[in-house]
């Protein structure tokens, strides 16, 4: 149940944080999906869909934001 709660929190928080940062910095993206990924923190598709690793939730806010912003830069 603890892992389910963690995943639920990540799937609510990460897309919202991405939206806030995108708005603040002038980026546009299609959607955010969150899942466990073994080898990546995040990725961006050619259609501007952003995928984020739910393990980002374990990182400090500054690092989390850095990775989200990095993925947003791929939308330009």
PDB file of N, CA and C in Angstrom:
ATOM      1  N   UNK A   1       0.835  -1.203   0.000  1.00  0.00           N
ATOM      2  CA  UNK A   1       0.000   0.000   0.000  1.00  0.00           C
ATOM      3  C   UNK A   1       0.872   1.257   0.000  1.00  0.00           C
ATOM      4  N   UNK A   2       2.023   1.176   0.675  1.00  0.00           N
ATOM      5  CA  UNK A   2       2.915   2.336   0.733  1.00  0.00           C
ATOM      6  C   UNK A   2       3.417   2.714  -0.661  1.00  0.00           C
ATOM      7  N   UNK A   3       3.789   1.719  -1.456  1.00  0.00           N
ATOM      8  CA  UNK A   3       4.255   1.963  -2.815  1.00  0.00           C
ATOM      9  C   UNK A   3       3.135   2.530  -3.689  1.00  0.00           C
ATOM     10  N   UNK A   4       1.926   2.035  -3.494  1.00  0.00           N
ATOM     11  CA  UNK A   4       0.767   2.546  -4.243  1.00  0.00           C
ATOM     12  C   UNK A   4       0.516   4.012  -3.915  1.00  0.00           C
ATOM     13  N   UNK A   5       0.605   4.364  -2.632  1.00  0.00           N
ATOM     14  CA  UNK A   5       0.424   5.758  -2.217  1.00  0.00           C
ATOM     15  C   UNK A   5       1.506   6.651  -2.815  1.00  0.00           C
ATOM     16  N   UNK A   6       2.734   6.156  -2.794  1.00  0.00           N
ATOM     17  CA  UNK A   6       3.870   6.886  -3.365  1.00  0.00           C
ATOM     18  C   UNK A   6       3.611   7.152  -4.844  1.00  0.00           C
ATOM     19  N   UNK A   7       3.180   6.118  -5.558  1.00  0.00           N
ATOM     20  CA  UNK A   7       2.918   6.242  -6.992  1.00  0.00           C
ATOM     21  C   UNK A   7       1.755   7.205  -7.254  1.00  0.00           C
ATOM     22  N   UNK A   8       0.731   7.128  -6.440  1.00  0.00           N
ATOM     23  CA  UNK A   8      -0.434   8.018  -6.571  1.00  0.00           C
ATOM     24  C   UNK A   8      -0.021   9.478  -6.382  1.00  0.00           C
ATOM     25  N   UNK A   9       0.790   9.716  -5.353  1.00  0.00           N
ATOM     26  CA  UNK A   9       1.274  11.082  -5.095  1.00  0.00           C
ATOM     27  C   UNK A   9       2.108  11.594  -6.266  1.00  0.00           C
ATOM     28  N   UNK A  10       2.977  10.731  -6.799  1.00  0.00           N
ATOM     29  CA  UNK A  10       3.832  11.118  -7.923  1.00  0.00           C
ATOM     30  C   UNK A  10       2.989  11.459  -9.150  1.00  0.00           C
ATOM     31  N   UNK A  11       1.975  10.647  -9.426  1.00  0.00           N
ATOM     32  CA  UNK A  11       1.144  10.849 -10.620  1.00  0.00           C
ATOM     33  C   UNK A  11       0.269  12.090 -10.509  1.00  0.00           C
ATOM     34  N   UNK A  12       0.076  12.573  -9.297  1.00  0.00           N
ATOM     35  CA  UNK A  12      -0.662  13.822  -9.098  1.00  0.00           C
ATOM     36  C   UNK A  12       0.304  15.014  -9.119  1.00  0.00           C
ATOM     37  N   UNK A  13       1.420  14.866  -8.404  1.00  0.00           N
ATOM     38  CA  UNK A  13       2.353  15.980  -8.232  1.00  0.00           C
ATOM     39  C   UNK A  13       3.154  16.312  -9.496  1.00  0.00           C
ATOM     40  N   UNK A  14       3.757  15.306 -10.123  1.00  0.00           N
ATOM     41  CA  UNK A  14       4.687  15.571 -11.232  1.00  0.00           C
ATOM     42  C   UNK A  14       4.036  16.262 -12.437  1.00  0.00           C
ATOM     43  N   UNK A  15       2.855  15.827 -12.895  1.00  0.00           N
ATOM     44  CA  UNK A  15       2.233  16.564 -14.014  1.00  0.00           C
ATOM     45  C   UNK A  15       1.881  18.006 -13.634  1.00  0.00           C
ATOM     46  N   UNK A  16       1.431  18.193 -12.400  1.00  0.00           N
ATOM     47  CA  UNK A  16       1.089  19.545 -11.939  1.00  0.00           C
ATOM     48  C   UNK A  16       2.335  20.418 -11.861  1.00  0.00           C
ATOM     49  N   UNK A  17       3.425  19.879 -11.335  1.00  0.00           N
ATOM     50  CA  UNK A  17       4.674  20.648 -11.243  1.00  0.00           C
ATOM     51  C   UNK A  17       5.202  20.979 -12.638  1.00  0.00           C
ATOM     52  N   UNK A  18       5.077  20.037 -13.570  1.00  0.00           N
ATOM     53  CA  UNK A  18       5.500  20.272 -14.954  1.00  0.00           C
ATOM     54  C   UNK A  18       4.686  21.406 -15.561  1.00  0.00           C
ATOM     55  N   UNK A  19       3.376  21.399 -15.312  1.00  0.00           N
ATOM     56  CA  UNK A  19       2.502  22.455 -15.833  1.00  0.00           C
ATOM     57  C   UNK A  19       2.907  23.824 -15.278  1.00  0.00           C
ATOM     58  N   UNK A  20       3.162  23.872 -13.971  1.00  0.00           N
ATOM     59  CA  UNK A  20       3.564  25.133 -13.325  1.00  0.00           C
ATOM     60  C   UNK A  20       4.871  25.654 -13.923  1.00  0.00           C
ATOM     61  N   UNK A  21       5.867  24.786 -14.042  1.00  0.00           N
ATOM     62  CA  UNK A  21       7.166  25.203 -14.586  1.00  0.00           C
ATOM     63  C   UNK A  21       7.051  25.605 -16.054  1.00  0.00           C
ATOM     64  N   UNK A  22       6.263  24.862 -16.826  1.00  0.00           N
ATOM     65  CA  UNK A  22       6.087  25.173 -18.249  1.00  0.00           C
ATOM     66  C   UNK A  22       5.442  26.546 -18.416  1.00  0.00           C
ATOM     67  N   UNK A  23       4.431  26.801 -17.598  1.00  0.00           N
ATOM     68  CA  UNK A  23       3.738  28.094 -17.644  1.00  0.00           C
ATOM     69  C   UNK A  23       4.690  29.227 -17.284  1.00  0.00           C
ATOM     70  N   UNK A  24       5.423  29.034 -16.213  1.00  0.00           N
ATOM     71  CA  UNK A  24       6.340  30.053 -15.717  1.00  0.00           C
ATOM     72  C   UNK A  24       7.451  30.358 -16.734  1.00  0.00           C
ATOM     73  N   UNK A  25       7.906  29.324 -17.451  1.00  0.00           N
ATOM     74  CA  UNK A  25       9.062  29.484 -18.338  1.00  0.00           C
ATOM     75  C   UNK A  25       8.696  29.560 -19.821  1.00  0.00           C
ATOM     76  N   UNK A  26       7.413  29.455 -20.137  1.00  0.00           N
ATOM     77  CA  UNK A  26       6.981  29.618 -21.528  1.00  0.00           C
ATOM     78  C   UNK A  26       7.147  28.387 -22.411  1.00  0.00           C
ATOM     79  N   UNK A  27       7.050  27.198 -21.836  1.00  0.00           N
ATOM     80  CA  UNK A  27       7.120  25.964 -22.618  1.00  0.00           C
ATOM     81  C   UNK A  27       5.721  25.406 -22.837  1.00  0.00           C
ATOM     82  N   UNK A  28       5.582  24.613 -23.879  1.00  0.00           N
ATOM     83  CA  UNK A  28       4.309  23.974 -24.188  1.00  0.00           C
ATOM     84  C   UNK A  28       4.560  22.479 -24.377  1.00  0.00           C
ATOM     85  N   UNK A  29       3.718  21.652 -23.782  1.00  0.00           N
ATOM     86  CA  UNK A  29       3.879  20.207 -23.918  1.00  0.00           C
ATOM     87  C   UNK A  29       2.516  19.567 -24.109  1.00  0.00           C
ATOM     88  N   UNK A  30       2.514  18.353 -24.600  1.00  0.00           N
ATOM     89  CA  UNK A  30       1.267  17.657 -24.873  1.00  0.00           C
ATOM     90  C   UNK A  30       0.681  17.038 -23.611  1.00  0.00           C
ATOM     91  N   UNK A  31       1.449  16.167 -22.944  1.00  0.00           N
ATOM     92  CA  UNK A  31       0.966  15.494 -21.734  1.00  0.00           C
ATOM     93  C   UNK A  31       2.158  14.997 -20.930  1.00  0.00           C
ATOM     94  N   UNK A  32       1.877  14.637 -19.699  1.00  0.00           N
ATOM     95  CA  UNK A  32       2.904  14.056 -18.827  1.00  0.00           C
ATOM     96  C   UNK A  32       2.419  12.689 -18.379  1.00  0.00           C
ATOM     97  N   UNK A  33       3.266  11.692 -18.566  1.00  0.00           N
ATOM     98  CA  UNK A  33       2.983  10.369 -18.016  1.00  0.00           C
ATOM     99  C   UNK A  33       4.062  10.067 -16.990  1.00  0.00           C
ATOM    100  N   UNK A  34       3.680   9.338 -15.952  1.00  0.00           N
ATOM    101  CA  UNK A  34       4.612   9.003 -14.877  1.00  0.00           C
ATOM    102  C   UNK A  34       4.610   7.499 -14.676  1.00  0.00           C
ATOM    103  N   UNK A  35       5.802   6.929 -14.622  1.00  0.00           N
ATOM    104  CA  UNK A  35       5.912   5.488 -14.387  1.00  0.00           C
ATOM    105  C   UNK A  35       7.304   5.158 -13.871  1.00  0.00           C
ATOM    106  N   UNK A  36       7.447   3.943 -13.386  1.00  0.00           N
ATOM    107  CA  UNK A  36       8.775   3.465 -12.969  1.00  0.00           C
ATOM    108  C   UNK A  36       9.595   3.204 -14.218  1.00  0.00           C
ATOM    109  N   UNK A  37      10.785   3.802 -14.272  1.00  0.00           N
ATOM    110  CA  UNK A  37      11.699   3.545 -15.374  1.00  0.00           C
ATOM    111  C   UNK A  37      13.039   3.156 -14.761  1.00  0.00           C
ATOM    112  N   UNK A  38      13.649   2.151 -15.333  1.00  0.00           N
ATOM    113  CA  UNK A  38      14.904   1.653 -14.748  1.00  0.00           C
ATOM    114  C   UNK A  38      16.117   2.512 -15.087  1.00  0.00           C
ATOM    115  N   UNK A  39      16.129   3.105 -16.292  1.00  0.00           N
ATOM    116  CA  UNK A  39      17.365   3.748 -16.753  1.00  0.00           C
ATOM    117  C   UNK A  39      17.248   5.243 -17.018  1.00  0.00           C
ATOM    118  N   UNK A  40      16.079   5.840 -16.848  1.00  0.00           N
ATOM    119  CA  UNK A  40      15.926   7.263 -17.160  1.00  0.00           C
ATOM    120  C   UNK A  40      15.158   7.996 -16.072  1.00  0.00           C
ATOM    121  N   UNK A  41      15.504   9.264 -15.922  1.00  0.00           N
ATOM    122  CA  UNK A  41      14.717  10.133 -15.050  1.00  0.00           C
ATOM    123  C   UNK A  41      13.517  10.662 -15.807  1.00  0.00           C
ATOM    124  N   UNK A  42      13.710  10.874 -17.124  1.00  0.00           N
ATOM    125  CA  UNK A  42      12.616  11.391 -17.932  1.00  0.00           C
ATOM    126  C   UNK A  42      12.957  11.310 -19.402  1.00  0.00           C
ATOM    127  N   UNK A  43      11.941  11.556 -20.225  1.00  0.00           N
ATOM    128  CA  UNK A  43      12.153  11.607 -21.665  1.00  0.00           C
ATOM    129  C   UNK A  43      11.056  12.465 -22.282  1.00  0.00           C
ATOM    130  N   UNK A  44      11.289  12.844 -23.542  1.00  0.00           N
ATOM    131  CA  UNK A  44      10.331  13.675 -24.268  1.00  0.00           C
ATOM    132  C   UNK A  44      10.165  13.084 -25.663  1.00  0.00           C
ATOM    133  N   UNK A  45       8.920  12.871 -26.071  1.00  0.00           N
ATOM    134  CA  UNK A  45       8.667  12.288 -27.391  1.00  0.00           C
ATOM    135  C   UNK A  45       8.685  13.376 -28.464  1.00  0.00           C
ATOM    136  N   UNK A  46       8.719  12.954 -29.718  1.00  0.00           N
ATOM    137  CA  UNK A  46       8.719  13.929 -30.817  1.00  0.00           C
ATOM    138  C   UNK A  46       7.399  14.695 -30.896  1.00  0.00           C
ATOM    139  N   UNK A  47       6.370  14.197 -30.215  1.00  0.00           N
ATOM    140  CA  UNK A  47       5.077  14.907 -30.168  1.00  0.00           C
ATOM    141  C   UNK A  47       4.932  15.757 -28.909  1.00  0.00           C
ATOM    142  N   UNK A  48       6.046  15.949 -28.185  1.00  0.00           N
ATOM    143  CA  UNK A  48       6.095  16.760 -26.961  1.00  0.00           C
ATOM    144  C   UNK A  48       5.348  16.143 -25.780  1.00  0.00           C
ATOM    145  N   UNK A  49       5.277  14.826 -25.766  1.00  0.00           N
ATOM    146  CA  UNK A  49       4.775  14.126 -24.585  1.00  0.00           C
ATOM    147  C   UNK A  49       5.948  13.874 -23.653  1.00  0.00           C
ATOM    148  N   UNK A  50       5.783  14.218 -22.406  1.00  0.00           N
ATOM    149  CA  UNK A  50       6.865  14.064 -21.436  1.00  0.00           C
ATOM    150  C   UNK A  50       6.563  12.868 -20.535  1.00  0.00           C
ATOM    151  N   UNK A  51       7.570  12.037 -20.359  1.00  0.00           N
ATOM    152  CA  UNK A  51       7.460  10.886 -19.477  1.00  0.00           C
ATOM    153  C   UNK A  51       8.441  11.093 -18.331  1.00  0.00           C
ATOM    154  N   UNK A  52       7.950  10.959 -17.105  1.00  0.00           N
ATOM    155  CA  UNK A  52       8.798  11.170 -15.930  1.00  0.00           C
ATOM    156  C   UNK A  52       8.800   9.926 -15.052  1.00  0.00           C
ATOM    157  N   UNK A  53       9.960   9.654 -14.491  1.00  0.00           N
ATOM    158  CA  UNK A  53      10.128   8.535 -13.571  1.00  0.00           C
ATOM    159  C   UNK A  53       9.552   8.928 -12.210  1.00  0.00           C
ATOM    160  N   UNK A  54       8.685   8.091 -11.654  1.00  0.00           N
ATOM    161  CA  UNK A  54       8.088   8.458 -10.367  1.00  0.00           C
ATOM    162  C   UNK A  54       9.138   8.540  -9.253  1.00  0.00           C
ATOM    163  N   UNK A  55      10.298   7.959  -9.470  1.00  0.00           N
ATOM    164  CA  UNK A  55      11.375   8.045  -8.483  1.00  0.00           C
ATOM    165  C   UNK A  55      11.902   9.474  -8.321  1.00  0.00           C
ATOM    166  N   UNK A  56      11.522  10.375  -9.224  1.00  0.00           N
ATOM    167  CA  UNK A  56      11.880  11.787  -9.075  1.00  0.00           C
ATOM    168  C   UNK A  56      11.378  12.327  -7.742  1.00  0.00           C
ATOM    169  N   UNK A  57      10.312  11.732  -7.238  1.00  0.00           N
ATOM    170  CA  UNK A  57       9.730  12.181  -5.974  1.00  0.00           C
ATOM    171  C   UNK A  57      10.707  12.028  -4.802  1.00  0.00           C
ATOM    172  N   UNK A  58      11.695  11.154  -4.952  1.00  0.00           N
ATOM    173  CA  UNK A  58      12.673  10.931  -3.877  1.00  0.00           C
ATOM    174  C   UNK A  58      13.830  11.934  -3.916  1.00  0.00           C
ATOM    175  N   UNK A  59      13.884  12.739  -4.975  1.00  0.00           N
ATOM    176  CA  UNK A  59      14.966  13.711  -5.123  1.00  0.00           C
ATOM    177  C   UNK A  59      14.601  15.033  -4.457  1.00  0.00           C
ATOM    178  N   UNK A  60      15.623  15.831  -4.126  1.00  0.00           N
ATOM    179  CA  UNK A  60      15.346  17.191  -3.635  1.00  0.00           C
ATOM    180  C   UNK A  60      14.620  17.997  -4.724  1.00  0.00           C
ATOM    181  N   UNK A  61      13.804  18.942  -4.301  1.00  0.00           N
ATOM    182  CA  UNK A  61      12.995  19.756  -5.222  1.00  0.00           C
ATOM    183  C   UNK A  61      13.831  20.375  -6.350  1.00  0.00           C
ATOM    184  N   UNK A  62      15.003  20.918  -6.019  1.00  0.00           N
ATOM    185  CA  UNK A  62      15.840  21.568  -7.037  1.00  0.00           C
ATOM    186  C   UNK A  62      16.220  20.602  -8.155  1.00  0.00           C
ATOM    187  N   UNK A  63      16.609  19.379  -7.788  1.00  0.00           N
ATOM    188  CA  UNK A  63      16.982  18.389  -8.806  1.00  0.00           C
ATOM    189  C   UNK A  63      15.771  17.958  -9.621  1.00  0.00           C
ATOM    190  N   UNK A  64      14.654  17.769  -8.946  1.00  0.00           N
ATOM    191  CA  UNK A  64      13.415  17.378  -9.608  1.00  0.00           C
ATOM    192  C   UNK A  64      13.042  18.428 -10.660  1.00  0.00           C
ATOM    193  N   UNK A  65      13.069  19.697 -10.252  1.00  0.00           N
ATOM    194  CA  UNK A  65      12.746  20.783 -11.178  1.00  0.00           C
ATOM    195  C   UNK A  65      13.735  20.835 -12.334  1.00  0.00           C
ATOM    196  N   UNK A  66      15.012  20.629 -12.039  1.00  0.00           N
ATOM    197  CA  UNK A  66      16.038  20.642 -13.085  1.00  0.00           C
ATOM    198  C   UNK A  66      15.720  19.607 -14.161  1.00  0.00           C
ATOM    199  N   UNK A  67      15.360  18.415 -13.743  1.00  0.00           N
ATOM    200  CA  UNK A  67      15.064  17.342 -14.697  1.00  0.00           C
ATOM    201  C   UNK A  67      13.793  17.649 -15.483  1.00  0.00           C
ATOM    202  N   UNK A  68      12.775  18.161 -14.817  1.00  0.00           N
ATOM    203  CA  UNK A  68      11.536  18.524 -15.516  1.00  0.00           C
ATOM    204  C   UNK A  68      11.819  19.618 -16.540  1.00  0.00           C
ATOM    205  N   UNK A  69      12.573  20.639 -16.147  1.00  0.00           N
ATOM    206  CA  UNK A  69      12.909  21.733 -17.072  1.00  0.00           C
ATOM    207  C   UNK A  69      13.747  21.211 -18.230  1.00  0.00           C
ATOM    208  N   UNK A  70      14.671  20.314 -17.943  1.00  0.00           N
ATOM    209  CA  UNK A  70      15.478  19.699 -19.008  1.00  0.00           C
ATOM    210  C   UNK A  70      14.575  19.048 -20.051  1.00  0.00           C
ATOM    211  N   UNK A  71      13.591  18.284 -19.600  1.00  0.00           N
ATOM    212  CA  UNK A  71      12.673  17.640 -20.543  1.00  0.00           C
ATOM    213  C   UNK A  71      11.840  18.678 -21.281  1.00  0.00           C
ATOM    214  N   UNK A  72      11.425  19.728 -20.607  1.00  0.00           N
ATOM    215  CA  UNK A  72      10.656  20.779 -21.281  1.00  0.00           C
ATOM    216  C   UNK A  72      11.456  21.460 -22.389  1.00  0.00           C
ATOM    217  N   UNK A  73      12.770  21.573 -22.209  1.00  0.00           N
ATOM    218  CA  UNK A  73      13.581  22.221 -23.262  1.00  0.00           C
ATOM    219  C   UNK A  73      13.543  21.409 -24.566  1.00  0.00           C
ATOM    220  N   UNK A  74      13.285  20.121 -24.481  1.00  0.00           N
ATOM    221  CA  UNK A  74      13.209  19.296 -25.690  1.00  0.00           C
ATOM    222  C   UNK A  74      11.948  19.589 -26.508  1.00  0.00           C
ATOM    223  N   UNK A  75      11.003  20.338 -25.925  1.00  0.00           N
ATOM    224  CA  UNK A  75       9.764  20.634 -26.658  1.00  0.00           C
ATOM    225  C   UNK A  75       9.947  21.800 -27.624  1.00  0.00           C
ATOM    226  N   UNK A  76      11.079  22.494 -27.538  1.00  0.00           N
ATOM    227  CA  UNK A  76      11.313  23.672 -28.389  1.00  0.00           C
ATOM    228  C   UNK A  76      11.897  23.252 -29.722  1.00  0.00           C
TER     229      UNK A  76
END
